[in-house]
PDB file of N, CA and C in Angstrom:
ATOM      1  N   MET A   1      95.591 -45.008 -23.523  1.00  0.00           N
ATOM      2  CA  MET A   1      94.430 -44.823 -22.391  1.00  0.00           C
ATOM      3  C   MET A   1      93.662 -43.795 -22.726  1.00  0.00           C
ATOM      4  N   SER A   2      92.619 -43.564 -22.461  1.00  0.00           N
ATOM      5  CA  SER A   2      91.378 -42.567 -22.809  1.00  0.00           C
ATOM      6  C   SER A   2      90.915 -42.323 -21.070  1.00  0.00           C
ATOM      7  N   CYS A   3      90.119 -40.971 -20.869  1.00  0.00           N
ATOM      8  CA  CYS A   3      90.021 -40.750 -19.977  1.00  0.00           C
ATOM      9  C   CYS A   3      88.303 -39.743 -20.124  1.00  0.00           C
ATOM     10  N   LEU A   4      87.507 -39.950 -19.126  1.00  0.00           N
ATOM     11  CA  LEU A   4      85.962 -39.135 -19.135  1.00  0.00           C
ATOM     12  C   LEU A   4      86.217 -37.601 -18.680  1.00  0.00           C
ATOM     13  N   ILE A   5      85.325 -37.183 -19.053  1.00  0.00           N
ATOM     14  CA  ILE A   5      85.722 -35.748 -18.417  1.00  0.00           C
ATOM     15  C   ILE A   5      84.150 -35.119 -18.133  1.00  0.00           C
ATOM     16  N   VAL A   6      84.160 -35.098 -16.580  1.00  0.00           N
ATOM     17  CA  VAL A   6      82.557 -34.756 -15.990  1.00  0.00           C
ATOM     18  C   VAL A   6      82.919 -32.958 -15.561  1.00  0.00           C
ATOM     19  N   CYS A   7      82.106 -32.358 -15.614  1.00  0.00           N
ATOM     20  CA  CYS A   7      81.758 -31.198 -15.220  1.00  0.00           C
ATOM     21  C   CYS A   7      80.628 -31.284 -14.356  1.00  0.00           C
ATOM     22  N   GLU A   8      81.415 -30.334 -13.211  1.00  0.00           N
ATOM     23  CA  GLU A   8      80.662 -30.089 -11.817  1.00  0.00           C
ATOM     24  C   GLU A   8      79.493 -28.814 -11.627  1.00  0.00           C
ATOM     25  N   LEU A   9      78.297 -28.807 -11.932  1.00  0.00           N
ATOM     26  CA  LEU A   9      77.068 -27.661 -11.778  1.00  0.00           C
ATOM     27  C   LEU A   9      77.463 -27.135 -10.177  1.00  0.00           C
ATOM     28  N   ALA A  10      77.470 -28.590  -9.710  1.00  0.00           N
ATOM     29  CA  ALA A  10      77.086 -28.006  -8.413  1.00  0.00           C
ATOM     30  C   ALA A  10      75.908 -27.118  -8.104  1.00  0.00           C
ATOM     31  N   THR A  11      76.611 -26.132  -7.057  1.00  0.00           N
ATOM     32  CA  THR A  11      75.209 -24.870  -7.097  1.00  0.00           C
ATOM     33  C   THR A  11      75.420 -23.754  -7.730  1.00  0.00           C
ATOM     34  N   ASN A  12      76.598 -23.660  -8.529  1.00  0.00           N
ATOM     35  CA  ASN A  12      77.212 -22.690  -9.085  1.00  0.00           C
ATOM     36  C   ASN A  12      76.313 -21.942  -9.850  1.00  0.00           C
ATOM     37  N   HIS A  13      75.100 -22.495  -9.957  1.00  0.00           N
ATOM     38  CA  HIS A  13      73.698 -21.661 -10.745  1.00  0.00           C
ATOM     39  C   HIS A  13      73.202 -20.675  -9.855  1.00  0.00           C
ATOM     40  N   GLY A  14      73.287 -20.839  -8.934  1.00  0.00           N
ATOM     41  CA  GLY A  14      72.487 -20.079  -7.893  1.00  0.00           C
ATOM     42  C   GLY A  14      70.597 -20.076  -7.997  1.00  0.00           C
ATOM     43  N   GLY A  15      70.112 -21.493  -8.827  1.00  0.00           N
ATOM     44  CA  GLY A  15      69.264 -21.453  -9.440  1.00  0.00           C
ATOM     45  C   GLY A  15      68.379 -21.455 -10.400  1.00  0.00           C
ATOM     46  N   ASP A  16      69.376 -20.463 -11.275  1.00  0.00           N
ATOM     47  CA  ASP A  16      69.183 -19.979 -12.454  1.00  0.00           C
ATOM     48  C   ASP A  16      69.214 -20.810 -13.511  1.00  0.00           C
ATOM     49  N   VAL A  17      68.241 -21.418 -14.032  1.00  0.00           N
ATOM     50  CA  VAL A  17      68.443 -22.970 -14.990  1.00  0.00           C
ATOM     51  C   VAL A  17      69.111 -22.161 -16.133  1.00  0.00           C
ATOM     52  N   ASP A  18      68.860 -21.009 -16.670  1.00  0.00           N
ATOM     53  CA  ASP A  18      68.978 -20.830 -17.870  1.00  0.00           C
ATOM     54  C   ASP A  18      71.006 -20.381 -17.801  1.00  0.00           C
ATOM     55  N   LEU A  19      71.414 -20.377 -16.883  1.00  0.00           N
ATOM     56  CA  LEU A  19      72.794 -20.175 -16.669  1.00  0.00           C
ATOM     57  C   LEU A  19      73.365 -21.644 -16.190  1.00  0.00           C
ATOM     58  N   ALA A  20      72.515 -22.639 -15.794  1.00  0.00           N
ATOM     59  CA  ALA A  20      72.775 -23.900 -15.415  1.00  0.00           C
ATOM     60  C   ALA A  20      72.938 -24.648 -16.953  1.00  0.00           C
ATOM     61  N   CYS A  21      72.162 -24.160 -17.474  1.00  0.00           N
ATOM     62  CA  CYS A  21      72.103 -24.757 -19.633  1.00  0.00           C
ATOM     63  C   CYS A  21      73.117 -24.440 -19.913  1.00  0.00           C
ATOM     64  N   ASP A  22      73.565 -23.176 -19.902  1.00  0.00           N
ATOM     65  CA  ASP A  22      74.339 -22.349 -20.469  1.00  0.00           C
ATOM     66  C   ASP A  22      76.165 -22.803 -19.797  1.00  0.00           C
ATOM     67  N   MET A  23      76.151 -23.405 -18.592  1.00  0.00           N
ATOM     68  CA  MET A  23      77.017 -23.863 -18.303  1.00  0.00           C
ATOM     69  C   MET A  23      77.227 -25.403 -19.031  1.00  0.00           C
ATOM     70  N   VAL A  24      76.295 -26.028 -19.089  1.00  0.00           N
ATOM     71  CA  VAL A  24      76.423 -27.262 -19.839  1.00  0.00           C
ATOM     72  C   VAL A  24      76.560 -27.163 -21.128  1.00  0.00           C
ATOM     73  N   ARG A  25      76.692 -26.278 -21.596  1.00  0.00           N
ATOM     74  CA  ARG A  25      76.973 -25.859 -23.291  1.00  0.00           C
ATOM     75  C   ARG A  25      78.668 -25.587 -23.393  1.00  0.00           C
ATOM     76  N   GLN A  26      78.807 -24.816 -22.395  1.00  0.00           N
ATOM     77  CA  GLN A  26      80.273 -24.338 -22.188  1.00  0.00           C
ATOM     78  C   GLN A  26      81.339 -25.903 -22.137  1.00  0.00           C
ATOM     79  N   ALA A  27      80.543 -26.296 -20.989  1.00  0.00           N
ATOM     80  CA  ALA A  27      81.471 -27.437 -20.791  1.00  0.00           C
ATOM     81  C   ALA A  27      81.246 -28.686 -21.860  1.00  0.00           C
ATOM     82  N   ALA A  28      80.370 -28.936 -22.712  1.00  0.00           N
ATOM     83  CA  ALA A  28      80.352 -29.737 -23.865  1.00  0.00           C
ATOM     84  C   ALA A  28      81.385 -29.330 -24.686  1.00  0.00           C
ATOM     85  N   ASP A  29      81.350 -27.649 -25.128  1.00  0.00           N
ATOM     86  CA  ASP A  29      82.535 -26.968 -25.758  1.00  0.00           C
ATOM     87  C   ASP A  29      84.172 -26.863 -25.548  1.00  0.00           C
ATOM     88  N   ALA A  30      83.580 -27.634 -24.113  1.00  0.00           N
ATOM     89  CA  ALA A  30      85.313 -27.393 -23.430  1.00  0.00           C
ATOM     90  C   ALA A  30      85.686 -29.043 -23.623  1.00  0.00           C
ATOM     91  N   GLY A  31      84.720 -29.802 -24.292  1.00  0.00           N
ATOM     92  CA  GLY A  31      85.632 -31.293 -24.129  1.00  0.00           C
ATOM     93  C   GLY A  31      84.619 -32.309 -23.219  1.00  0.00           C
ATOM     94  N   ALA A  32      83.849 -31.592 -22.519  1.00  0.00           N
ATOM     95  CA  ALA A  32      82.888 -32.881 -21.411  1.00  0.00           C
ATOM     96  C   ALA A  32      82.051 -33.849 -21.685  1.00  0.00           C
ATOM     97  N   ASP A  33      82.031 -34.802 -21.145  1.00  0.00           N
ATOM     98  CA  ASP A  33      81.167 -36.159 -21.583  1.00  0.00           C
ATOM     99  C   ASP A  33      80.227 -36.299 -20.804  1.00  0.00           C
ATOM    100  N   TYR A  34      80.167 -36.036 -19.379  1.00  0.00           N
ATOM    101  CA  TYR A  34      79.005 -35.568 -18.448  1.00  0.00           C
ATOM    102  C   TYR A  34      78.983 -34.197 -17.835  1.00  0.00           C
ATOM    103  N   ALA A  35      77.509 -34.442 -17.240  1.00  0.00           N
ATOM    104  CA  ALA A  35      77.767 -32.979 -16.555  1.00  0.00           C
ATOM    105  C   ALA A  35      76.624 -33.816 -15.489  1.00  0.00           C
ATOM    106  N   LYS A  36      77.513 -33.236 -14.087  1.00  0.00           N
ATOM    107  CA  LYS A  36      76.743 -33.753 -12.926  1.00  0.00           C
ATOM    108  C   LYS A  36      76.123 -32.437 -12.372  1.00  0.00           C
ATOM    109  N   ILE A  37      74.831 -33.174 -11.877  1.00  0.00           N
ATOM    110  CA  ILE A  37      74.149 -31.626 -11.631  1.00  0.00           C
ATOM    111  C   ILE A  37      73.479 -32.332  -9.742  1.00  0.00           C
ATOM    112  N   GLN A  38      73.791 -31.051  -8.664  1.00  0.00           N
ATOM    113  CA  GLN A  38      73.112 -31.367  -7.840  1.00  0.00           C
ATOM    114  C   GLN A  38      71.745 -31.553  -7.432  1.00  0.00           C
ATOM    115  N   SER A  39      71.879 -32.748  -6.820  1.00  0.00           N
ATOM    116  CA  SER A  39      70.323 -33.199  -6.713  1.00  0.00           C
ATOM    117  C   SER A  39      69.873 -33.171  -4.828  1.00  0.00           C
ATOM    118  N   TYR A  40      69.328 -32.430  -4.416  1.00  0.00           N
ATOM    119  CA  TYR A  40      68.517 -32.805  -2.846  1.00  0.00           C
ATOM    120  C   TYR A  40      67.597 -32.431  -2.795  1.00  0.00           C
ATOM    121  N   SER A  41      66.853 -32.468  -1.324  1.00  0.00           N
ATOM    122  CA  SER A  41      65.519 -32.633  -1.061  1.00  0.00           C
ATOM    123  C   SER A  41      65.426 -31.096   0.098  1.00  0.00           C
ATOM    124  N   LEU A  42      65.180 -30.297  -0.703  1.00  0.00           N
ATOM    125  CA  LEU A  42      64.752 -29.462   0.439  1.00  0.00           C
ATOM    126  C   LEU A  42      63.997 -29.805   1.968  1.00  0.00           C
ATOM    127  N   ALA A  43      62.969 -30.567   2.116  1.00  0.00           N
ATOM    128  CA  ALA A  43      62.511 -31.038   3.018  1.00  0.00           C
ATOM    129  C   ALA A  43      63.698 -31.857   4.101  1.00  0.00           C
ATOM    130  N   ARG A  44      64.687 -32.297   3.479  1.00  0.00           N
ATOM    131  CA  ARG A  44      65.496 -33.199   4.197  1.00  0.00           C
ATOM    132  C   ARG A  44      66.905 -32.129   4.866  1.00  0.00           C
ATOM    133  N   LEU A  45      66.902 -30.698   4.121  1.00  0.00           N
ATOM    134  CA  LEU A  45      68.063 -29.655   4.834  1.00  0.00           C
ATOM    135  C   LEU A  45      67.870 -29.930   6.177  1.00  0.00           C
ATOM    136  N   ASN A  46      69.273 -29.877   6.813  1.00  0.00           N
ATOM    137  CA  ASN A  46      69.313 -29.710   7.958  1.00  0.00           C
ATOM    138  C   ASN A  46      69.026 -28.215   8.372  1.00  0.00           C
ATOM    139  N   PRO A  47      67.991 -28.119   8.938  1.00  0.00           N
ATOM    140  CA  PRO A  47      67.780 -26.313   9.302  1.00  0.00           C
ATOM    141  C   PRO A  47      68.617 -26.041  10.015  1.00  0.00           C
ATOM    142  N   ASN A  48      69.758 -26.352  10.534  1.00  0.00           N
ATOM    143  CA  ASN A  48      71.149 -25.620  11.327  1.00  0.00           C
ATOM    144  C   ASN A  48      72.266 -25.684  10.270  1.00  0.00           C
ATOM    145  N   ASP A  49      72.145 -25.925   8.804  1.00  0.00           N
ATOM    146  CA  ASP A  49      72.853 -25.793   8.226  1.00  0.00           C
ATOM    147  C   ASP A  49      73.777 -24.642   7.709  1.00  0.00           C
ATOM    148  N   PRO A  50      74.803 -24.293   8.102  1.00  0.00           N
ATOM    149  CA  PRO A  50      75.145 -22.576   7.833  1.00  0.00           C
ATOM    150  C   PRO A  50      74.524 -22.409   6.144  1.00  0.00           C
ATOM    151  N   GLN A  51      74.720 -23.185   5.270  1.00  0.00           N
ATOM    152  CA  GLN A  51      74.732 -23.241   3.797  1.00  0.00           C
ATOM    153  C   GLN A  51      72.713 -23.534   3.370  1.00  0.00           C
ATOM    154  N   ARG A  52      72.105 -23.253   4.451  1.00  0.00           N
ATOM    155  CA  ARG A  52      70.510 -23.267   4.048  1.00  0.00           C
ATOM    156  C   ARG A  52      70.069 -22.460   3.287  1.00  0.00           C
ATOM    157  N   ASP A  53      70.454 -21.158   3.462  1.00  0.00           N
ATOM    158  CA  ASP A  53      69.593 -20.066   2.213  1.00  0.00           C
ATOM    159  C   ASP A  53      70.256 -20.506   0.871  1.00  0.00           C
ATOM    160  N   TRP A  54      71.564 -20.624   1.065  1.00  0.00           N
ATOM    161  CA  TRP A  54      72.176 -20.629  -0.301  1.00  0.00           C
ATOM    162  C   TRP A  54      71.756 -21.856  -1.466  1.00  0.00           C
ATOM    163  N   LEU A  55      71.614 -22.885  -0.267  1.00  0.00           N
ATOM    164  CA  LEU A  55      71.170 -24.560  -1.377  1.00  0.00           C
ATOM    165  C   LEU A  55      69.583 -24.150  -1.227  1.00  0.00           C
ATOM    166  N   THR A  56      68.318 -23.298  -0.520  1.00  0.00           N
ATOM    167  CA  THR A  56      67.404 -23.044  -1.107  1.00  0.00           C
ATOM    168  C   THR A  56      67.267 -22.610  -2.037  1.00  0.00           C
ATOM    169  N   LEU A  57      68.034 -21.366  -2.599  1.00  0.00           N
ATOM    170  CA  LEU A  57      67.839 -20.725  -3.455  1.00  0.00           C
ATOM    171  C   LEU A  57      68.989 -21.486  -4.491  1.00  0.00           C
ATOM    172  N   ALA A  58      69.358 -22.213  -4.565  1.00  0.00           N
ATOM    173  CA  ALA A  58      69.761 -22.899  -5.772  1.00  0.00           C
ATOM    174  C   ALA A  58      69.144 -24.111  -6.144  1.00  0.00           C
ATOM    175  N   HIS A  59      68.242 -24.595  -5.385  1.00  0.00           N
ATOM    176  CA  HIS A  59      67.523 -25.622  -5.632  1.00  0.00           C
ATOM    177  C   HIS A  59      66.812 -25.428  -7.001  1.00  0.00           C
ATOM    178  N   LEU A  60      67.153 -26.905  -7.392  1.00  0.00           N
ATOM    179  CA  LEU A  60      66.370 -27.429  -8.856  1.00  0.00           C
ATOM    180  C   LEU A  60      65.223 -28.317  -8.812  1.00  0.00           C
ATOM    181  N   ASP A  61      64.459 -27.850  -9.285  1.00  0.00           N
ATOM    182  CA  ASP A  61      63.150 -28.641  -8.893  1.00  0.00           C
ATOM    183  C   ASP A  61      62.913 -29.876 -10.356  1.00  0.00           C
ATOM    184  N   GLU A  62      61.559 -30.398 -10.571  1.00  0.00           N
ATOM    185  CA  GLU A  62      61.617 -31.758 -11.297  1.00  0.00           C
ATOM    186  C   GLU A  62      62.052 -30.897 -13.066  1.00  0.00           C
ATOM    187  N   ALA A  63      61.134 -29.639 -12.856  1.00  0.00           N
ATOM    188  CA  ALA A  63      61.117 -28.993 -13.918  1.00  0.00           C
ATOM    189  C   ALA A  63      62.372 -28.187 -14.895  1.00  0.00           C
ATOM    190  N   ALA A  64      63.310 -27.599 -13.627  1.00  0.00           N
ATOM    191  CA  ALA A  64      64.768 -27.488 -13.961  1.00  0.00           C
ATOM    192  C   ALA A  64      65.423 -28.600 -14.479  1.00  0.00           C
ATOM    193  N   HIS A  65      65.385 -29.658 -13.819  1.00  0.00           N
ATOM    194  CA  HIS A  65      66.189 -30.809 -14.224  1.00  0.00           C
ATOM    195  C   HIS A  65      65.858 -31.373 -15.547  1.00  0.00           C
ATOM    196  N   ALA A  66      64.362 -31.107 -15.624  1.00  0.00           N
ATOM    197  CA  ALA A  66      64.770 -31.646 -17.048  1.00  0.00           C
ATOM    198  C   ALA A  66      64.726 -30.758 -18.305  1.00  0.00           C
ATOM    199  N   ARG A  67      64.969 -29.499 -17.549  1.00  0.00           N
ATOM    200  CA  ARG A  67      65.110 -28.674 -19.111  1.00  0.00           C
ATOM    201  C   ARG A  67      66.850 -28.970 -19.228  1.00  0.00           C
ATOM    202  N   ILE A  68      67.582 -29.104 -17.500  1.00  0.00           N
ATOM    203  CA  ILE A  68      69.208 -28.985 -18.043  1.00  0.00           C
ATOM    204  C   ILE A  68      69.495 -30.497 -18.596  1.00  0.00           C
ATOM    205  N   PHE A  69      68.940 -31.569 -18.147  1.00  0.00           N
ATOM    206  CA  PHE A  69      68.840 -32.694 -18.992  1.00  0.00           C
ATOM    207  C   PHE A  69      68.677 -32.656 -20.589  1.00  0.00           C
ATOM    208  N   GLN A  70      67.994 -31.833 -20.835  1.00  0.00           N
ATOM    209  CA  GLN A  70      67.513 -31.465 -22.466  1.00  0.00           C
ATOM    210  C   GLN A  70      68.932 -30.817 -22.909  1.00  0.00           C
ATOM    211  N   ALA A  71      69.280 -29.938 -22.219  1.00  0.00           N
ATOM    212  CA  ALA A  71      70.425 -29.266 -22.601  1.00  0.00           C
ATOM    213  C   ALA A  71      71.159 -30.174 -22.541  1.00  0.00           C
ATOM    214  N   CYS A  72      71.580 -31.227 -21.555  1.00  0.00           N
ATOM    215  CA  CYS A  72      72.814 -32.087 -21.716  1.00  0.00           C
ATOM    216  C   CYS A  72      72.656 -32.664 -23.460  1.00  0.00           C
ATOM    217  N   ARG A  73      71.282 -33.145 -23.634  1.00  0.00           N
ATOM    218  CA  ARG A  73      71.379 -33.888 -24.443  1.00  0.00           C
ATOM    219  C   ARG A  73      71.433 -33.313 -25.900  1.00  0.00           C
ATOM    220  N   ASP A  74      71.122 -32.145 -25.800  1.00  0.00           N
ATOM    221  CA  ASP A  74      71.337 -31.207 -26.948  1.00  0.00           C
ATOM    222  C   ASP A  74      72.596 -31.077 -27.612  1.00  0.00           C
ATOM    223  N   ALA A  75      73.122 -31.217 -26.003  1.00  0.00           N
ATOM    224  CA  ALA A  75      74.985 -30.446 -25.972  1.00  0.00           C
ATOM    225  C   ALA A  75      75.852 -31.479 -26.407  1.00  0.00           C
ATOM    226  N   GLY A  76      75.179 -32.870 -26.524  1.00  0.00           N
ATOM    227  CA  GLY A  76      75.607 -34.354 -26.494  1.00  0.00           C
ATOM    228  C   GLY A  76      76.758 -34.821 -25.115  1.00  0.00           C
ATOM    229  N   VAL A  77      75.978 -33.938 -24.275  1.00  0.00           N
ATOM    230  CA  VAL A  77      76.855 -34.220 -23.244  1.00  0.00           C
ATOM    231  C   VAL A  77      76.178 -35.279 -22.396  1.00  0.00           C
ATOM    232  N   LYS A  78      76.468 -36.327 -21.461  1.00  0.00           N
ATOM    233  CA  LYS A  78      75.630 -37.461 -20.313  1.00  0.00           C
ATOM    234  C   LYS A  78      75.306 -36.575 -19.053  1.00  0.00           C
ATOM    235  N   PRO A  79      74.071 -36.411 -19.080  1.00  0.00           N
ATOM    236  CA  PRO A  79      73.818 -36.043 -17.333  1.00  0.00           C
ATOM    237  C   PRO A  79      74.047 -36.921 -16.045  1.00  0.00           C
ATOM    238  N   LEU A  80      74.726 -36.542 -15.108  1.00  0.00           N
ATOM    239  CA  LEU A  80      74.759 -37.112 -13.702  1.00  0.00           C
ATOM    240  C   LEU A  80      73.671 -36.624 -12.479  1.00  0.00           C
TER     241      LEU A  80
END
């Protein structure tokens, strides 16, 4: 029996794309098979969400996603 390991980046990178890419590399080194990237639209955030400020800071645009997906490919991890 085998299992797949998924690393969850969530918003732990705080919007720092270099940190997110480093997290992917470290997850790959630890044996991760997949990296789950948190994706959401700022326009759809509830204005009353208590985490709105943090989610705004940690938001990743298309260019950031492209860089992280490339880091996944380079590390041999599949992006989710």
